[in-house]
Amino acid sequence: MGSIRSSNVKRIAESLVVQYPGKFTKDYSENRAIVKQVVNATSKKTLNNIAGYVTRYILKLESRRRKEEEETTIPA
């Protein structure tokens, strides 16, 4: 089973990715440091949840981009 995150964590993470394009990577520890600088006074658990979802979200976006590129390069 996967972990279930609250909609609040997802909303914050997705808005951070939109606000700071290109700043987040596929590396959790780098994302955690960036989230710690950007987000104000949250608990350690919430900070980790946001950083983890940012990482997962970046991976999902990258996968989606690759899939779209493959679809456009394959002649129909």
PDB file of N, CA and C in Angstrom:
ATOM      1  N   MET A   1       0.830  -1.178   0.000  1.00  0.00           N
ATOM      2  CA  MET A   1       0.000   0.000   0.000  1.00  0.00           C
ATOM      3  C   MET A   1       0.876   1.244   0.000  1.00  0.00           C
ATOM      4  N   GLY A   2       0.419   2.259  -0.682  1.00  0.00           N
ATOM      5  CA  GLY A   2       1.149   3.526  -0.713  1.00  0.00           C
ATOM      6  C   GLY A   2       0.721   4.419   0.429  1.00  0.00           C
ATOM      7  N   SER A   3       1.496   5.447   0.645  1.00  0.00           N
ATOM      8  CA  SER A   3       1.135   6.371   1.711  1.00  0.00           C
ATOM      9  C   SER A   3       0.108   7.368   1.178  1.00  0.00           C
ATOM     10  N   ILE A   4      -0.783   7.773   2.042  1.00  0.00           N
ATOM     11  CA  ILE A   4      -1.827   8.716   1.673  1.00  0.00           C
ATOM     12  C   ILE A   4      -1.467  10.055   2.311  1.00  0.00           C
ATOM     13  N   ARG A   5      -1.381  11.071   1.470  1.00  0.00           N
ATOM     14  CA  ARG A   5      -1.035  12.393   1.966  1.00  0.00           C
ATOM     15  C   ARG A   5      -2.288  13.269   1.977  1.00  0.00           C
ATOM     16  N   SER A   6      -2.307  14.207   2.901  1.00  0.00           N
ATOM     17  CA  SER A   6      -3.455  15.100   2.985  1.00  0.00           C
ATOM     18  C   SER A   6      -3.459  16.046   1.794  1.00  0.00           C
ATOM     19  N   SER A   7      -4.626  16.549   1.474  1.00  0.00           N
ATOM     20  CA  SER A   7      -4.734  17.459   0.339  1.00  0.00           C
ATOM     21  C   SER A   7      -3.975  18.749   0.605  1.00  0.00           C
ATOM     22  N   ASN A   8      -3.802  19.101   1.870  1.00  0.00           N
ATOM     23  CA  ASN A   8      -3.052  20.298   2.221  1.00  0.00           C
ATOM     24  C   ASN A   8      -1.584  20.153   1.807  1.00  0.00           C
ATOM     25  N   VAL A   9      -0.990  19.000   2.080  1.00  0.00           N
ATOM     26  CA  VAL A   9       0.401  18.743   1.706  1.00  0.00           C
ATOM     27  C   VAL A   9       0.537  18.774   0.190  1.00  0.00           C
ATOM     28  N   LYS A  10      -0.394  18.140  -0.505  1.00  0.00           N
ATOM     29  CA  LYS A  10      -0.350  18.111  -1.969  1.00  0.00           C
ATOM     30  C   LYS A  10      -0.482  19.511  -2.553  1.00  0.00           C
ATOM     31  N   ARG A  11      -1.402  20.280  -2.020  1.00  0.00           N
ATOM     32  CA  ARG A  11      -1.634  21.641  -2.518  1.00  0.00           C
ATOM     33  C   ARG A  11      -0.401  22.508  -2.336  1.00  0.00           C
ATOM     34  N   ILE A  12       0.216  22.443  -1.160  1.00  0.00           N
ATOM     35  CA  ILE A  12       1.419  23.233  -0.889  1.00  0.00           C
ATOM     36  C   ILE A  12       2.555  22.798  -1.804  1.00  0.00           C
ATOM     37  N   ALA A  13       2.763  21.496  -1.939  1.00  0.00           N
ATOM     38  CA  ALA A  13       3.854  20.979  -2.759  1.00  0.00           C
ATOM     39  C   ALA A  13       3.688  21.374  -4.221  1.00  0.00           C
ATOM     40  N   GLU A  14       2.499  21.212  -4.754  1.00  0.00           N
ATOM     41  CA  GLU A  14       2.265  21.554  -6.149  1.00  0.00           C
ATOM     42  C   GLU A  14       2.422  23.051  -6.389  1.00  0.00           C
ATOM     43  N   SER A  15       1.989  23.878  -5.437  1.00  0.00           N
ATOM     44  CA  SER A  15       2.148  25.320  -5.605  1.00  0.00           C
ATOM     45  C   SER A  15       3.619  25.727  -5.523  1.00  0.00           C
ATOM     46  N   LEU A  16       4.414  25.030  -4.709  1.00  0.00           N
ATOM     47  CA  LEU A  16       5.851  25.323  -4.643  1.00  0.00           C
ATOM     48  C   LEU A  16       6.533  24.997  -5.962  1.00  0.00           C
ATOM     49  N   VAL A  17       6.157  23.888  -6.576  1.00  0.00           N
ATOM     50  CA  VAL A  17       6.756  23.506  -7.859  1.00  0.00           C
ATOM     51  C   VAL A  17       6.412  24.541  -8.936  1.00  0.00           C
ATOM     52  N   VAL A  18       5.194  25.079  -8.879  1.00  0.00           N
ATOM     53  CA  VAL A  18       4.794  26.100  -9.851  1.00  0.00           C
ATOM     54  C   VAL A  18       5.499  27.428  -9.566  1.00  0.00           C
ATOM     55  N   GLN A  19       5.628  27.799  -8.294  1.00  0.00           N
ATOM     56  CA  GLN A  19       6.254  29.062  -7.916  1.00  0.00           C
ATOM     57  C   GLN A  19       7.749  29.087  -8.199  1.00  0.00           C
ATOM     58  N   TYR A  20       8.408  27.951  -8.020  1.00  0.00           N
ATOM     59  CA  TYR A  20       9.856  27.867  -8.193  1.00  0.00           C
ATOM     60  C   TYR A  20      10.204  26.837  -9.264  1.00  0.00           C
ATOM     61  N   PRO A  21       9.934  27.162 -10.538  1.00  0.00           N
ATOM     62  CA  PRO A  21      10.212  26.179 -11.593  1.00  0.00           C
ATOM     63  C   PRO A  21      11.713  25.958 -11.760  1.00  0.00           C
ATOM     64  N   GLY A  22      12.097  24.712 -11.909  1.00  0.00           N
ATOM     65  CA  GLY A  22      13.498  24.375 -12.116  1.00  0.00           C
ATOM     66  C   GLY A  22      14.327  24.297 -10.851  1.00  0.00           C
ATOM     67  N   LYS A  23      13.762  24.655  -9.723  1.00  0.00           N
ATOM     68  CA  LYS A  23      14.524  24.651  -8.471  1.00  0.00           C
ATOM     69  C   LYS A  23      14.543  23.274  -7.815  1.00  0.00           C
ATOM     70  N   PHE A  24      13.481  22.516  -7.981  1.00  0.00           N
ATOM     71  CA  PHE A  24      13.374  21.201  -7.352  1.00  0.00           C
ATOM     72  C   PHE A  24      13.918  20.116  -8.278  1.00  0.00           C
ATOM     73  N   THR A  25      14.456  19.051  -7.674  1.00  0.00           N
ATOM     74  CA  THR A  25      15.054  17.963  -8.435  1.00  0.00           C
ATOM     75  C   THR A  25      14.413  16.634  -8.038  1.00  0.00           C
ATOM     76  N   LYS A  26      15.013  15.543  -8.526  1.00  0.00           N
ATOM     77  CA  LYS A  26      14.528  14.208  -8.174  1.00  0.00           C
ATOM     78  C   LYS A  26      15.125  13.728  -6.855  1.00  0.00           C
ATOM     79  N   ASP A  27      15.982  14.533  -6.228  1.00  0.00           N
ATOM     80  CA  ASP A  27      16.653  14.145  -4.991  1.00  0.00           C
ATOM     81  C   ASP A  27      15.884  14.676  -3.780  1.00  0.00           C
ATOM     82  N   TYR A  28      15.464  13.764  -2.908  1.00  0.00           N
ATOM     83  CA  TYR A  28      14.660  14.126  -1.739  1.00  0.00           C
ATOM     84  C   TYR A  28      15.399  15.080  -0.802  1.00  0.00           C
ATOM     85  N   SER A  29      16.671  14.806  -0.510  1.00  0.00           N
ATOM     86  CA  SER A  29      17.394  15.627   0.472  1.00  0.00           C
ATOM     87  C   SER A  29      17.593  17.059  -0.027  1.00  0.00           C
ATOM     88  N   GLU A  30      17.818  17.225  -1.329  1.00  0.00           N
ATOM     89  CA  GLU A  30      17.917  18.580  -1.873  1.00  0.00           C
ATOM     90  C   GLU A  30      16.572  19.293  -1.779  1.00  0.00           C
ATOM     91  N   ASN A  31      15.516  18.581  -2.124  1.00  0.00           N
ATOM     92  CA  ASN A  31      14.179  19.167  -2.050  1.00  0.00           C
ATOM     93  C   ASN A  31      13.806  19.526  -0.616  1.00  0.00           C
ATOM     94  N   ARG A  32      14.223  18.702   0.333  1.00  0.00           N
ATOM     95  CA  ARG A  32      13.928  18.964   1.734  1.00  0.00           C
ATOM     96  C   ARG A  32      14.582  20.269   2.186  1.00  0.00           C
ATOM     97  N   ALA A  33      15.827  20.483   1.779  1.00  0.00           N
ATOM     98  CA  ALA A  33      16.537  21.719   2.139  1.00  0.00           C
ATOM     99  C   ALA A  33      15.845  22.938   1.525  1.00  0.00           C
ATOM    100  N   ILE A  34      15.402  22.815   0.283  1.00  0.00           N
ATOM    101  CA  ILE A  34      14.717  23.927  -0.387  1.00  0.00           C
ATOM    102  C   ILE A  34      13.381  24.215   0.292  1.00  0.00           C
ATOM    103  N   VAL A  35      12.626  23.175   0.596  1.00  0.00           N
ATOM    104  CA  VAL A  35      11.323  23.351   1.251  1.00  0.00           C
ATOM    105  C   VAL A  35      11.513  23.988   2.623  1.00  0.00           C
ATOM    106  N   LYS A  36      12.559  23.590   3.322  1.00  0.00           N
ATOM    107  CA  LYS A  36      12.844  24.148   4.654  1.00  0.00           C
ATOM    108  C   LYS A  36      13.097  25.654   4.570  1.00  0.00           C
ATOM    109  N   GLN A  37      13.753  26.106   3.499  1.00  0.00           N
ATOM    110  CA  GLN A  37      14.021  27.533   3.317  1.00  0.00           C
ATOM    111  C   GLN A  37      12.767  28.302   2.918  1.00  0.00           C
ATOM    112  N   VAL A  38      11.928  27.686   2.115  1.00  0.00           N
ATOM    113  CA  VAL A  38      10.803  28.390   1.504  1.00  0.00           C
ATOM    114  C   VAL A  38       9.558  28.404   2.384  1.00  0.00           C
ATOM    115  N   VAL A  39       9.258  27.287   3.045  1.00  0.00           N
ATOM    116  CA  VAL A  39       8.027  27.176   3.833  1.00  0.00           C
ATOM    117  C   VAL A  39       8.296  27.669   5.251  1.00  0.00           C
ATOM    118  N   ASN A  40       7.349  28.432   5.781  1.00  0.00           N
ATOM    119  CA  ASN A  40       7.506  29.003   7.116  1.00  0.00           C
ATOM    120  C   ASN A  40       6.992  28.069   8.202  1.00  0.00           C
ATOM    121  N   ALA A  41       7.775  27.914   9.247  1.00  0.00           N
ATOM    122  CA  ALA A  41       7.399  27.317  10.533  1.00  0.00           C
ATOM    123  C   ALA A  41       6.367  26.197  10.470  1.00  0.00           C
ATOM    124  N   THR A  42       6.756  25.067   9.904  1.00  0.00           N
ATOM    125  CA  THR A  42       5.902  23.891   9.977  1.00  0.00           C
ATOM    126  C   THR A  42       6.639  22.836  10.782  1.00  0.00           C
ATOM    127  N   SER A  43       5.929  21.802  11.176  1.00  0.00           N
ATOM    128  CA  SER A  43       6.570  20.739  11.941  1.00  0.00           C
ATOM    129  C   SER A  43       7.512  19.945  11.038  1.00  0.00           C
ATOM    130  N   LYS A  44       8.397  19.196  11.658  1.00  0.00           N
ATOM    131  CA  LYS A  44       9.362  18.387  10.917  1.00  0.00           C
ATOM    132  C   LYS A  44       8.645  17.349  10.057  1.00  0.00           C
ATOM    133  N   LYS A  45       7.609  16.753  10.586  1.00  0.00           N
ATOM    134  CA  LYS A  45       6.855  15.736   9.851  1.00  0.00           C
ATOM    135  C   LYS A  45       6.190  16.337   8.622  1.00  0.00           C
ATOM    136  N   THR A  46       5.578  17.491   8.774  1.00  0.00           N
ATOM    137  CA  THR A  46       4.932  18.149   7.647  1.00  0.00           C
ATOM    138  C   THR A  46       5.951  18.561   6.596  1.00  0.00           C
ATOM    139  N   LEU A  47       7.081  19.060   7.052  1.00  0.00           N
ATOM    140  CA  LEU A  47       8.167  19.447   6.149  1.00  0.00           C
ATOM    141  C   LEU A  47       8.626  18.249   5.321  1.00  0.00           C
ATOM    142  N   ASN A  48       8.805  17.110   5.975  1.00  0.00           N
ATOM    143  CA  ASN A  48       9.226  15.900   5.281  1.00  0.00           C
ATOM    144  C   ASN A  48       8.152  15.411   4.306  1.00  0.00           C
ATOM    145  N   ASN A  49       6.888  15.506   4.709  1.00  0.00           N
ATOM    146  CA  ASN A  49       5.802  15.104   3.825  1.00  0.00           C
ATOM    147  C   ASN A  49       5.756  15.965   2.565  1.00  0.00           C
ATOM    148  N   ILE A  50       5.928  17.263   2.737  1.00  0.00           N
ATOM    149  CA  ILE A  50       5.913  18.175   1.592  1.00  0.00           C
ATOM    150  C   ILE A  50       7.093  17.877   0.672  1.00  0.00           C
ATOM    151  N   ALA A  51       8.281  17.713   1.245  1.00  0.00           N
ATOM    152  CA  ALA A  51       9.469  17.422   0.438  1.00  0.00           C
ATOM    153  C   ALA A  51       9.326  16.086  -0.294  1.00  0.00           C
ATOM    154  N   GLY A  52       8.765  15.098   0.364  1.00  0.00           N
ATOM    155  CA  GLY A  52       8.551  13.808  -0.264  1.00  0.00           C
ATOM    156  C   GLY A  52       7.560  13.885  -1.405  1.00  0.00           C
ATOM    157  N   TYR A  53       6.496  14.645  -1.219  1.00  0.00           N
ATOM    158  CA  TYR A  53       5.514  14.766  -2.289  1.00  0.00           C
ATOM    159  C   TYR A  53       6.058  15.593  -3.444  1.00  0.00           C
ATOM    160  N   VAL A  54       6.876  16.617  -3.149  1.00  0.00           N
ATOM    161  CA  VAL A  54       7.515  17.395  -4.212  1.00  0.00           C
ATOM    162  C   VAL A  54       8.369  16.468  -5.078  1.00  0.00           C
ATOM    163  N   THR A  55       9.138  15.596  -4.430  1.00  0.00           N
ATOM    164  CA  THR A  55       9.986  14.655  -5.155  1.00  0.00           C
ATOM    165  C   THR A  55       9.143  13.732  -6.017  1.00  0.00           C
ATOM    166  N   ARG A  56       8.094  13.193  -5.462  1.00  0.00           N
ATOM    167  CA  ARG A  56       7.208  12.296  -6.198  1.00  0.00           C
ATOM    168  C   ARG A  56       6.532  13.027  -7.354  1.00  0.00           C
ATOM    169  N   TYR A  57       6.129  14.265  -7.114  1.00  0.00           N
ATOM    170  CA  TYR A  57       5.457  15.073  -8.127  1.00  0.00           C
ATOM    171  C   TYR A  57       6.397  15.387  -9.294  1.00  0.00           C
ATOM    172  N   ILE A  58       7.654  15.710  -8.982  1.00  0.00           N
ATOM    173  CA  ILE A  58       8.653  15.977 -10.016  1.00  0.00           C
ATOM    174  C   ILE A  58       8.862  14.732 -10.868  1.00  0.00           C
ATOM    175  N   LEU A  59       8.969  13.574 -10.234  1.00  0.00           N
ATOM    176  CA  LEU A  59       9.128  12.322 -10.968  1.00  0.00           C
ATOM    177  C   LEU A  59       7.920  12.057 -11.873  1.00  0.00           C
ATOM    178  N   LYS A  60       6.729  12.349 -11.363  1.00  0.00           N
ATOM    179  CA  LYS A  60       5.513  12.141 -12.135  1.00  0.00           C
ATOM    180  C   LYS A  60       5.472  13.077 -13.346  1.00  0.00           C
ATOM    181  N   LEU A  61       5.855  14.346 -13.151  1.00  0.00           N
ATOM    182  CA  LEU A  61       5.873  15.291 -14.257  1.00  0.00           C
ATOM    183  C   LEU A  61       6.882  14.877 -15.320  1.00  0.00           C
ATOM    184  N   GLU A  62       8.044  14.440 -14.882  1.00  0.00           N
ATOM    185  CA  GLU A  62       9.079  14.003 -15.811  1.00  0.00           C
ATOM    186  C   GLU A  62       8.625  12.786 -16.618  1.00  0.00           C
ATOM    187  N   SER A  63       7.988  11.850 -15.948  1.00  0.00           N
ATOM    188  CA  SER A  63       7.475  10.664 -16.622  1.00  0.00           C
ATOM    189  C   SER A  63       6.420  11.051 -17.656  1.00  0.00           C
ATOM    190  N   ARG A  64       5.569  11.969 -17.294  1.00  0.00           N
ATOM    191  CA  ARG A  64       4.517  12.431 -18.194  1.00  0.00           C
ATOM    192  C   ARG A  64       5.113  13.108 -19.428  1.00  0.00           C
ATOM    193  N   ARG A  65       6.171  13.933 -19.208  1.00  0.00           N
ATOM    194  CA  ARG A  65       6.837  14.603 -20.331  1.00  0.00           C
ATOM    195  C   ARG A  65       7.465  13.595 -21.281  1.00  0.00           C
ATOM    196  N   ARG A  66       8.144  12.578 -20.714  1.00  0.00           N
ATOM    197  CA  ARG A  66       8.764  11.554 -21.545  1.00  0.00           C
ATOM    198  C   ARG A  66       7.721  10.816 -22.381  1.00  0.00           C
ATOM    199  N   LYS A  67       6.604  10.509 -21.763  1.00  0.00           N
ATOM    200  CA  LYS A  67       5.541   9.787 -22.451  1.00  0.00           C
ATOM    201  C   LYS A  67       4.996  10.623 -23.610  1.00  0.00           C
ATOM    202  N   GLU A  68       4.805  11.919 -23.381  1.00  0.00           N
ATOM    203  CA  GLU A  68       4.311  12.807 -24.432  1.00  0.00           C
ATOM    204  C   GLU A  68       5.317  12.914 -25.574  1.00  0.00           C
ATOM    205  N   GLU A  69       6.611  12.983 -25.245  1.00  0.00           N
ATOM    206  CA  GLU A  69       7.648  13.047 -26.275  1.00  0.00           C
ATOM    207  C   GLU A  69       7.660  11.784 -27.119  1.00  0.00           C
ATOM    208  N   GLU A  70       7.511  10.636 -26.482  1.00  0.00           N
ATOM    209  CA  GLU A  70       7.484   9.365 -27.205  1.00  0.00           C
ATOM    210  C   GLU A  70       6.284   9.309 -28.146  1.00  0.00           C
ATOM    211  N   GLU A  71       5.155   9.814 -27.690  1.00  0.00           N
ATOM    212  CA  GLU A  71       3.948   9.804 -28.523  1.00  0.00           C
ATOM    213  C   GLU A  71       4.092  10.719 -29.728  1.00  0.00           C
ATOM    214  N   THR A  72       4.793  11.831 -29.560  1.00  0.00           N
ATOM    215  CA  THR A  72       4.941  12.781 -30.669  1.00  0.00           C
ATOM    216  C   THR A  72       6.014  12.322 -31.658  1.00  0.00           C
ATOM    217  N   THR A  73       7.025  11.561 -31.199  1.00  0.00           N
ATOM    218  CA  THR A  73       8.084  11.127 -32.096  1.00  0.00           C
ATOM    219  C   THR A  73       7.724   9.887 -32.898  1.00  0.00           C
ATOM    220  N   ILE A  74       6.794   9.099 -32.417  1.00  0.00           N
ATOM    221  CA  ILE A  74       6.378   7.894 -33.128  1.00  0.00           C
ATOM    222  C   ILE A  74       5.408   8.298 -34.242  1.00  0.00           C
ATOM    223  N   PRO A  75       5.745   7.960 -35.491  1.00  0.00           N
ATOM    224  CA  PRO A  75       4.819   8.313 -36.576  1.00  0.00           C
ATOM    225  C   PRO A  75       3.527   7.493 -36.507  1.00  0.00           C
ATOM    226  N   ALA A  76       2.428   8.161 -36.723  1.00  0.00           N
ATOM    227  CA  ALA A  76       1.120   7.480 -36.619  1.00  0.00           C
ATOM    228  C   ALA A  76       0.699   6.866 -37.917  1.00  0.00           C
TER     229      ALA A  76
END
